[in-house]
Amino acid sequence: AMPAAVWKWLEDLPRSSFDRFQAAFDAFCALGLSGTTKQLQLRPVTPRIFARFLMNNGIGTDSCFFAQTAAFVLLDYAKLIDCHFQAFMRGNFGKAFKAAPIKKMPRIMTKMRGDFPDLRDDDVAAGDVELRCSYFSLADIVRGSVCADGDEDMVRVVTQLRSLSAPSELGCFQCWRIKNTHHEVLGEEVVGGYRDVKVIGKFSAPVASPTGLTLSMIVEVQVIDKEFVKVKKYMHKAYSIER
């Protein structure tokens, strides 16, 4: 879903170290960010800013950089997407939509290293194209929820989401997958009785970034019955402890 300018270099990874870092620098320039994951600063990326980004994030070796940089690229790109996604959802669902914060780096690392244990070894991850690009598979960096009033309203919300694929002044959403935890699935655990419908798909913003980069990304929308919203609030601390 993301434009090739921000990820293709990491998949191909040129043989020369100089070419590799030039490709990485070009990708961060395309993002138009300052090289920090803490805040969005739309200004030209200079070699000094790029070097500061490496130092601030403890990236001191080639293997560390190529093993982990996809996570930083993904997070910085998400910041370009999130404001457009929120405007799109509020424009279509009003106050029923609730934005969620962009997933933070520690949580991204914990989740991915749990799913792919070899990511803990930078040398192994840097040398394996599937591992070093695995962060791009995350579907819930940019996310939000829509509160529904009963099962019929949940069906209406999901149907509406599936109908928003045509480009509009707010953007568009292509539904790729629906995961309904109201249906029992063998081997799948439900925390505290909480259930929802997760709609995953590609969101495309109506405009390009200040650097001319196409803005599109996989996002997640949770459709939640208002009664389960109460359960979610109650179970949040317990879920955090269990996690």
C-alpha atoms as a PDB file:
ATOM      1  CA  ALA A   1       0.000   0.000   0.000  1.00  0.00           C
ATOM      2  CA  MET A   2       2.944   2.352   0.630  1.00  0.00           C
ATOM      3  CA  PRO A   3       4.782   3.974  -2.299  1.00  0.00           C
ATOM      4  CA  ALA A   4       7.891   2.125  -3.453  1.00  0.00           C
ATOM      5  CA  ALA A   5      10.088   5.180  -2.831  1.00  0.00           C
ATOM      6  CA  VAL A   6      10.079   4.507   0.913  1.00  0.00           C
ATOM      7  CA  TRP A   7      10.568   0.718   0.954  1.00  0.00           C
ATOM      8  CA  LYS A   8      11.906  -0.670  -2.351  1.00  0.00           C
ATOM      9  CA  TRP A   9      15.523   0.226  -1.524  1.00  0.00           C
ATOM     10  CA  LEU A  10      15.383  -1.884   1.631  1.00  0.00           C
ATOM     11  CA  GLU A  11      14.016  -4.850  -0.265  1.00  0.00           C
ATOM     12  CA  ASP A  12      16.666  -4.613  -3.002  1.00  0.00           C
ATOM     13  CA  LEU A  13      19.528  -3.390  -0.737  1.00  0.00           C
ATOM     14  CA  PRO A  14      22.385  -2.409  -3.072  1.00  0.00           C
ATOM     15  CA  ARG A  15      25.675  -4.285  -2.638  1.00  0.00           C
ATOM     16  CA  SER A  16      27.790  -1.190  -1.966  1.00  0.00           C
ATOM     17  CA  SER A  17      27.578   0.283   1.559  1.00  0.00           C
ATOM     18  CA  PHE A  18      27.754   3.789   0.086  1.00  0.00           C
ATOM     19  CA  ASP A  19      24.866   3.033  -2.269  1.00  0.00           C
ATOM     20  CA  ARG A  20      22.873   1.528   0.592  1.00  0.00           C
ATOM     21  CA  PHE A  21      23.114   4.604   2.779  1.00  0.00           C
ATOM     22  CA  GLN A  22      22.447   6.906  -0.156  1.00  0.00           C
ATOM     23  CA  ALA A  23      19.267   4.941  -0.896  1.00  0.00           C
ATOM     24  CA  ALA A  24      18.283   5.159   2.780  1.00  0.00           C
ATOM     25  CA  PHE A  25      18.964   8.890   2.861  1.00  0.00           C
ATOM     26  CA  ASP A  26      16.873   9.370  -0.310  1.00  0.00           C
ATOM     27  CA  ALA A  27      13.972   7.483   1.318  1.00  0.00           C
ATOM     28  CA  PHE A  28      14.022   9.716   4.403  1.00  0.00           C
ATOM     29  CA  CYS A  29      14.220  12.777   2.131  1.00  0.00           C
ATOM     30  CA  ALA A  30      11.129  11.509   0.303  1.00  0.00           C
ATOM     31  CA  LEU A  31       9.344  11.317   3.647  1.00  0.00           C
ATOM     32  CA  GLY A  32      10.266  14.962   4.223  1.00  0.00           C
ATOM     33  CA  LEU A  33      10.728  14.442   7.947  1.00  0.00           C
ATOM     34  CA  SER A  34      13.444  15.559  10.286  1.00  0.00           C
ATOM     35  CA  GLY A  35      14.521  12.013  11.066  1.00  0.00           C
ATOM     36  CA  THR A  36      12.864  11.906  14.489  1.00  0.00           C
ATOM     37  CA  THR A  37       9.992   9.632  15.477  1.00  0.00           C
ATOM     38  CA  LYS A  38       8.867  11.956  18.272  1.00  0.00           C
ATOM     39  CA  GLN A  39       7.179  14.645  16.240  1.00  0.00           C
ATOM     40  CA  LEU A  40       6.322  15.605  12.705  1.00  0.00           C
ATOM     41  CA  GLN A  41       8.572  18.326  11.318  1.00  0.00           C
ATOM     42  CA  LEU A  42       8.116  18.991   7.636  1.00  0.00           C
ATOM     43  CA  ARG A  43      11.484  20.374   6.634  1.00  0.00           C
ATOM     44  CA  PRO A  44      14.304  19.224   4.330  1.00  0.00           C
ATOM     45  CA  VAL A  45      16.289  16.256   5.602  1.00  0.00           C
ATOM     46  CA  THR A  46      19.988  17.111   5.633  1.00  0.00           C
ATOM     47  CA  PRO A  47      22.933  14.740   6.146  1.00  0.00           C
ATOM     48  CA  ARG A  48      23.424  16.246   9.613  1.00  0.00           C
ATOM     49  CA  ILE A  49      19.795  15.590  10.563  1.00  0.00           C
ATOM     50  CA  PHE A  50      20.068  12.053   9.200  1.00  0.00           C
ATOM     51  CA  ALA A  51      23.234  11.449  11.241  1.00  0.00           C
ATOM     52  CA  ARG A  52      21.474  12.798  14.365  1.00  0.00           C
ATOM     53  CA  PHE A  53      18.603  10.394  13.728  1.00  0.00           C
ATOM     54  CA  LEU A  54      21.047   7.461  13.697  1.00  0.00           C
ATOM     55  CA  MET A  55      22.755   8.582  16.903  1.00  0.00           C
ATOM     56  CA  ASN A  56      19.533   9.391  18.776  1.00  0.00           C
ATOM     57  CA  ASN A  57      18.153   5.932  18.079  1.00  0.00           C
ATOM     58  CA  GLY A  58      21.315   4.051  19.017  1.00  0.00           C
ATOM     59  CA  ILE A  59      21.960   2.856  15.467  1.00  0.00           C
ATOM     60  CA  GLY A  60      25.722   2.377  15.436  1.00  0.00           C
ATOM     61  CA  THR A  61      26.258  -0.473  12.990  1.00  0.00           C
ATOM     62  CA  ASP A  62      25.190  -1.335   9.450  1.00  0.00           C
ATOM     63  CA  SER A  63      23.377  -4.480  10.585  1.00  0.00           C
ATOM     64  CA  CYS A  64      21.439  -2.577  13.258  1.00  0.00           C
ATOM     65  CA  PHE A  65      20.376   0.042  10.732  1.00  0.00           C
ATOM     66  CA  PHE A  66      19.203  -2.338   8.021  1.00  0.00           C
ATOM     67  CA  ALA A  67      17.544  -4.682  10.534  1.00  0.00           C
ATOM     68  CA  GLN A  68      15.461  -1.950  12.201  1.00  0.00           C
ATOM     69  CA  THR A  69      15.096   0.958   9.788  1.00  0.00           C
ATOM     70  CA  ALA A  70      11.819  -0.336   8.306  1.00  0.00           C
ATOM     71  CA  ALA A  71      10.151   0.281  11.661  1.00  0.00           C
ATOM     72  CA  PHE A  72      11.327   3.915  11.724  1.00  0.00           C
ATOM     73  CA  VAL A  73      10.315   4.489   8.090  1.00  0.00           C
ATOM     74  CA  LEU A  74       6.882   2.992   8.781  1.00  0.00           C
ATOM     75  CA  LEU A  75       6.339   5.135  11.873  1.00  0.00           C
ATOM     76  CA  ASP A  76       7.421   8.382  10.223  1.00  0.00           C
ATOM     77  CA  TYR A  77       5.284   7.657   7.154  1.00  0.00           C
ATOM     78  CA  ALA A  78       2.312   6.941   9.432  1.00  0.00           C
ATOM     79  CA  LYS A  79       2.542  10.493  10.769  1.00  0.00           C
ATOM     80  CA  LEU A  80       1.968  11.815   7.269  1.00  0.00           C
ATOM     81  CA  ILE A  81      -1.102   9.595   6.879  1.00  0.00           C
ATOM     82  CA  ASP A  82      -2.794   9.875  10.276  1.00  0.00           C
ATOM     83  CA  CYS A  83      -4.254  13.396  10.041  1.00  0.00           C
ATOM     84  CA  HIS A  84      -5.804  12.614   6.639  1.00  0.00           C
ATOM     85  CA  PHE A  85      -7.174   9.305   7.925  1.00  0.00           C
ATOM     86  CA  GLN A  86      -8.794  10.998  10.915  1.00  0.00           C
ATOM     87  CA  ALA A  87     -10.388  13.660   8.700  1.00  0.00           C
ATOM     88  CA  PHE A  88     -11.690  10.946   6.369  1.00  0.00           C
ATOM     89  CA  MET A  89     -13.234   8.916   9.182  1.00  0.00           C
ATOM     90  CA  ARG A  90     -14.787  11.915  10.945  1.00  0.00           C
ATOM     91  CA  GLY A  91     -16.203  13.125   7.651  1.00  0.00           C
ATOM     92  CA  ASN A  92     -17.913   9.776   7.095  1.00  0.00           C
ATOM     93  CA  PHE A  93     -18.812   8.695  10.639  1.00  0.00           C
ATOM     94  CA  GLY A  94     -18.904  11.890  12.672  1.00  0.00           C
ATOM     95  CA  LYS A  95     -18.710  11.626  16.457  1.00  0.00           C
ATOM     96  CA  ALA A  96     -19.041   7.841  16.307  1.00  0.00           C
ATOM     97  CA  PHE A  97     -15.404   7.705  15.200  1.00  0.00           C
ATOM     98  CA  LYS A  98     -12.677   7.769  17.834  1.00  0.00           C
ATOM     99  CA  ALA A  99      -9.057   8.221  16.775  1.00  0.00           C
ATOM    100  CA  ALA A 100      -6.361   6.080  18.355  1.00  0.00           C
ATOM    101  CA  PRO A 101      -2.742   7.150  18.830  1.00  0.00           C
ATOM    102  CA  ILE A 102      -0.174   5.931  16.337  1.00  0.00           C
ATOM    103  CA  LYS A 103       1.451   2.780  17.696  1.00  0.00           C
ATOM    104  CA  LYS A 104       4.692   3.598  19.519  1.00  0.00           C
ATOM    105  CA  MET A 105       8.106   2.186  18.669  1.00  0.00           C
ATOM    106  CA  PRO A 106       8.576   0.048  21.843  1.00  0.00           C
ATOM    107  CA  ARG A 107       5.234  -1.670  21.212  1.00  0.00           C
ATOM    108  CA  ILE A 108       6.115  -2.202  17.527  1.00  0.00           C
ATOM    109  CA  MET A 109       9.437  -3.809  18.453  1.00  0.00           C
ATOM    110  CA  THR A 110       7.895  -6.004  21.167  1.00  0.00           C
ATOM    111  CA  LYS A 111       5.120  -7.243  18.889  1.00  0.00           C
ATOM    112  CA  MET A 112       7.313  -7.927  15.861  1.00  0.00           C
ATOM    113  CA  ARG A 113      10.075  -9.636  17.839  1.00  0.00           C
ATOM    114  CA  GLY A 114       7.422 -11.809  19.429  1.00  0.00           C
ATOM    115  CA  ASP A 115       6.071 -12.775  16.010  1.00  0.00           C
ATOM    116  CA  PHE A 116       9.525 -13.035  14.383  1.00  0.00           C
ATOM    117  CA  PRO A 117      12.101 -14.028  17.063  1.00  0.00           C
ATOM    118  CA  ASP A 118      14.995 -13.759  14.581  1.00  0.00           C
ATOM    119  CA  LEU A 119      14.458  -9.980  14.534  1.00  0.00           C
ATOM    120  CA  ARG A 120      16.254  -9.925  17.890  1.00  0.00           C
ATOM    121  CA  ASP A 121      19.504 -10.697  16.037  1.00  0.00           C
ATOM    122  CA  ASP A 122      20.401  -7.672  13.900  1.00  0.00           C
ATOM    123  CA  ASP A 123      22.968  -9.582  11.846  1.00  0.00           C
ATOM    124  CA  VAL A 124      20.434 -12.256  10.914  1.00  0.00           C
ATOM    125  CA  ALA A 125      17.615  -9.766  10.238  1.00  0.00           C
ATOM    126  CA  ALA A 126      19.758  -7.445   8.127  1.00  0.00           C
ATOM    127  CA  GLY A 127      20.762 -10.305   5.843  1.00  0.00           C
ATOM    128  CA  ASP A 128      17.244 -11.636   5.283  1.00  0.00           C
ATOM    129  CA  VAL A 129      14.945  -9.634   3.015  1.00  0.00           C
ATOM    130  CA  GLU A 130      11.784 -11.105   4.565  1.00  0.00           C
ATOM    131  CA  LEU A 131      12.891 -10.199   8.084  1.00  0.00           C
ATOM    132  CA  ARG A 132      14.195  -6.696   7.436  1.00  0.00           C
ATOM    133  CA  CYS A 133      11.004  -5.822   5.532  1.00  0.00           C
ATOM    134  CA  SER A 134       8.667  -7.629   7.959  1.00  0.00           C
ATOM    135  CA  TYR A 135       7.718  -4.389   9.761  1.00  0.00           C
ATOM    136  CA  PHE A 136       5.905  -3.261   6.623  1.00  0.00           C
ATOM    137  CA  SER A 137       3.352  -6.035   7.232  1.00  0.00           C
ATOM    138  CA  LEU A 138       1.935  -4.262  10.304  1.00  0.00           C
ATOM    139  CA  ALA A 139      -1.655  -3.224   9.650  1.00  0.00           C
ATOM    140  CA  ASP A 140      -2.525  -1.251  12.785  1.00  0.00           C
ATOM    141  CA  ILE A 141       0.042   1.548  13.024  1.00  0.00           C
ATOM    142  CA  VAL A 142      -2.669   3.982  11.920  1.00  0.00           C
ATOM    143  CA  ARG A 143      -6.004   3.042  13.441  1.00  0.00           C
ATOM    144  CA  GLY A 144      -9.274   4.124  14.980  1.00  0.00           C
ATOM    145  CA  SER A 145     -12.680   2.840  16.019  1.00  0.00           C
ATOM    146  CA  VAL A 146     -16.345   3.427  15.258  1.00  0.00           C
ATOM    147  CA  CYS A 147     -18.902   2.940  18.022  1.00  0.00           C
ATOM    148  CA  ALA A 148     -22.110   1.240  16.869  1.00  0.00           C
ATOM    149  CA  ASP A 149     -25.516   0.900  18.528  1.00  0.00           C
ATOM    150  CA  GLY A 150     -26.272  -2.806  18.305  1.00  0.00           C
ATOM    151  CA  ASP A 151     -25.594  -5.541  15.771  1.00  0.00           C
ATOM    152  CA  GLU A 152     -27.601  -4.001  12.926  1.00  0.00           C
ATOM    153  CA  ASP A 153     -25.711  -0.749  13.278  1.00  0.00           C
ATOM    154  CA  MET A 154     -22.414  -2.660  13.221  1.00  0.00           C
ATOM    155  CA  VAL A 155     -23.420  -4.254   9.922  1.00  0.00           C
ATOM    156  CA  ARG A 156     -24.333  -0.800   8.600  1.00  0.00           C
ATOM    157  CA  VAL A 157     -20.941   0.631   9.589  1.00  0.00           C
ATOM    158  CA  VAL A 158     -19.037  -2.250   7.968  1.00  0.00           C
ATOM    159  CA  THR A 159     -21.162  -1.925   4.824  1.00  0.00           C
ATOM    160  CA  GLN A 160     -20.458   1.797   4.723  1.00  0.00           C
ATOM    161  CA  LEU A 161     -16.724   1.204   5.099  1.00  0.00           C
ATOM    162  CA  ARG A 162     -16.828  -1.213   2.181  1.00  0.00           C
ATOM    163  CA  SER A 163     -18.580   1.416   0.051  1.00  0.00           C
ATOM    164  CA  LEU A 164     -15.890   4.098   0.438  1.00  0.00           C
ATOM    165  CA  SER A 165     -13.511   2.863  -2.257  1.00  0.00           C
ATOM    166  CA  ALA A 166     -14.258   5.658  -4.735  1.00  0.00           C
ATOM    167  CA  PRO A 167     -11.911   8.694  -4.525  1.00  0.00           C
ATOM    168  CA  SER A 168     -13.413  11.713  -2.768  1.00  0.00           C
ATOM    169  CA  GLU A 169     -12.276  15.055  -1.389  1.00  0.00           C
ATOM    170  CA  LEU A 170     -11.483  13.240   1.883  1.00  0.00           C
ATOM    171  CA  GLY A 171      -9.728  10.246   0.334  1.00  0.00           C
ATOM    172  CA  CYS A 172     -10.846   6.646  -0.107  1.00  0.00           C
ATOM    173  CA  PHE A 173     -10.705   3.286   1.656  1.00  0.00           C
ATOM    174  CA  GLN A 174     -10.407  -0.146   0.034  1.00  0.00           C
ATOM    175  CA  CYS A 175     -11.512  -2.967   2.326  1.00  0.00           C
ATOM    176  CA  TRP A 176      -9.045  -5.867   2.183  1.00  0.00           C
ATOM    177  CA  ARG A 177      -9.956  -7.993   5.189  1.00  0.00           C
ATOM    178  CA  ILE A 178     -12.690  -8.277   7.844  1.00  0.00           C
ATOM    179  CA  LYS A 179     -12.032 -10.061  11.134  1.00  0.00           C
ATOM    180  CA  ASN A 180     -15.158 -10.635  13.204  1.00  0.00           C
ATOM    181  CA  THR A 181     -14.337 -11.801  16.744  1.00  0.00           C
ATOM    182  CA  HIS A 182     -18.049 -12.175  17.466  1.00  0.00           C
ATOM    183  CA  HIS A 183     -17.668 -15.457  15.566  1.00  0.00           C
ATOM    184  CA  GLU A 184     -15.928 -18.232  17.458  1.00  0.00           C
ATOM    185  CA  VAL A 185     -12.660 -19.314  15.848  1.00  0.00           C
ATOM    186  CA  LEU A 186     -10.819 -22.433  16.999  1.00  0.00           C
ATOM    187  CA  GLY A 187      -7.683 -21.533  18.954  1.00  0.00           C
ATOM    188  CA  GLU A 188      -8.418 -17.809  19.078  1.00  0.00           C
ATOM    189  CA  GLU A 189      -8.550 -16.255  22.539  1.00  0.00           C
ATOM    190  CA  VAL A 190     -10.842 -13.383  23.525  1.00  0.00           C
ATOM    191  CA  VAL A 191      -9.642 -11.157  26.377  1.00  0.00           C
ATOM    192  CA  GLY A 192     -12.242 -10.459  29.058  1.00  0.00           C
ATOM    193  CA  GLY A 193     -15.154 -11.234  26.761  1.00  0.00           C
ATOM    194  CA  TYR A 194     -14.323  -8.246  24.545  1.00  0.00           C
ATOM    195  CA  ARG A 195     -15.290  -8.589  20.884  1.00  0.00           C
ATOM    196  CA  ASP A 196     -15.304  -6.335  17.834  1.00  0.00           C
ATOM    197  CA  VAL A 197     -15.104  -6.338  14.046  1.00  0.00           C
ATOM    198  CA  LYS A 198     -11.742  -5.305  12.639  1.00  0.00           C
ATOM    199  CA  VAL A 199     -11.828  -3.907   9.119  1.00  0.00           C
ATOM    200  CA  ILE A 200      -8.381  -3.721   7.516  1.00  0.00           C
ATOM    201  CA  GLY A 201      -7.689  -2.030   4.224  1.00  0.00           C
ATOM    202  CA  LYS A 202      -5.812   0.563   2.213  1.00  0.00           C
ATOM    203  CA  PHE A 203      -6.490   4.206   2.960  1.00  0.00           C
ATOM    204  CA  SER A 204      -5.446   6.738   0.319  1.00  0.00           C
ATOM    205  CA  ALA A 205      -5.261  10.438   1.159  1.00  0.00           C
ATOM    206  CA  PRO A 206      -6.691  12.968  -1.322  1.00  0.00           C
ATOM    207  CA  VAL A 207      -3.400  14.877  -1.603  1.00  0.00           C
ATOM    208  CA  ALA A 208       0.298  14.109  -1.848  1.00  0.00           C
ATOM    209  CA  SER A 209       2.846  14.932   0.845  1.00  0.00           C
ATOM    210  CA  PRO A 210       4.771  18.233   0.729  1.00  0.00           C
ATOM    211  CA  THR A 211       7.571  16.343  -1.057  1.00  0.00           C
ATOM    212  CA  GLY A 212       5.139  14.953  -3.649  1.00  0.00           C
ATOM    213  CA  LEU A 213       4.945  11.481  -2.099  1.00  0.00           C
ATOM    214  CA  THR A 214       1.746   9.498  -2.623  1.00  0.00           C
ATOM    215  CA  LEU A 215       0.005   8.993   0.727  1.00  0.00           C
ATOM    216  CA  SER A 216      -1.548   5.543   1.126  1.00  0.00           C
ATOM    217  CA  MET A 217      -1.210   2.946   3.870  1.00  0.00           C
ATOM    218  CA  ILE A 218      -2.812  -0.132   5.403  1.00  0.00           C
ATOM    219  CA  VAL A 219      -4.995   0.971   8.330  1.00  0.00           C
ATOM    220  CA  GLU A 220      -7.282  -0.719  10.832  1.00  0.00           C
ATOM    221  CA  VAL A 221     -10.797   0.314  11.837  1.00  0.00           C
ATOM    222  CA  GLN A 222     -12.425  -1.385  14.822  1.00  0.00           C
ATOM    223  CA  VAL A 223     -16.214  -1.457  14.734  1.00  0.00           C
ATOM    224  CA  ILE A 224     -17.388  -1.824  18.337  1.00  0.00           C
ATOM    225  CA  ASP A 225     -20.827  -2.199  19.858  1.00  0.00           C
ATOM    226  CA  LYS A 226     -21.352   0.492  22.514  1.00  0.00           C
ATOM    227  CA  GLU A 227     -21.732  -2.194  25.195  1.00  0.00           C
ATOM    228  CA  PHE A 228     -18.326  -3.614  24.332  1.00  0.00           C
ATOM    229  CA  VAL A 229     -16.855  -0.112  24.470  1.00  0.00           C
ATOM    230  CA  LYS A 230     -17.603  -0.263  28.203  1.00  0.00           C
ATOM    231  CA  VAL A 231     -15.924  -3.681  28.426  1.00  0.00           C
ATOM    232  CA  LYS A 232     -12.917  -2.354  26.534  1.00  0.00           C
ATOM    233  CA  LYS A 233     -12.450   0.542  28.941  1.00  0.00           C
ATOM    234  CA  TYR A 234     -12.717  -1.806  31.922  1.00  0.00           C
ATOM    235  CA  MET A 235     -10.379  -4.440  30.458  1.00  0.00           C
ATOM    236  CA  HIS A 236      -7.708  -2.080  29.120  1.00  0.00           C
ATOM    237  CA  LYS A 237      -5.515  -2.243  32.237  1.00  0.00           C
ATOM    238  CA  ALA A 238      -5.905  -6.009  32.559  1.00  0.00           C
ATOM    239  CA  TYR A 239      -5.015  -6.440  28.880  1.00  0.00           C
ATOM    240  CA  SER A 240      -1.950  -4.230  29.271  1.00  0.00           C
ATOM    241  CA  ILE A 241      -0.744  -6.316  32.211  1.00  0.00           C
ATOM    242  CA  GLU A 242      -1.339  -9.582  30.348  1.00  0.00           C
ATOM    243  CA  ARG A 243       0.430  -8.243  27.236  1.00  0.00           C
END
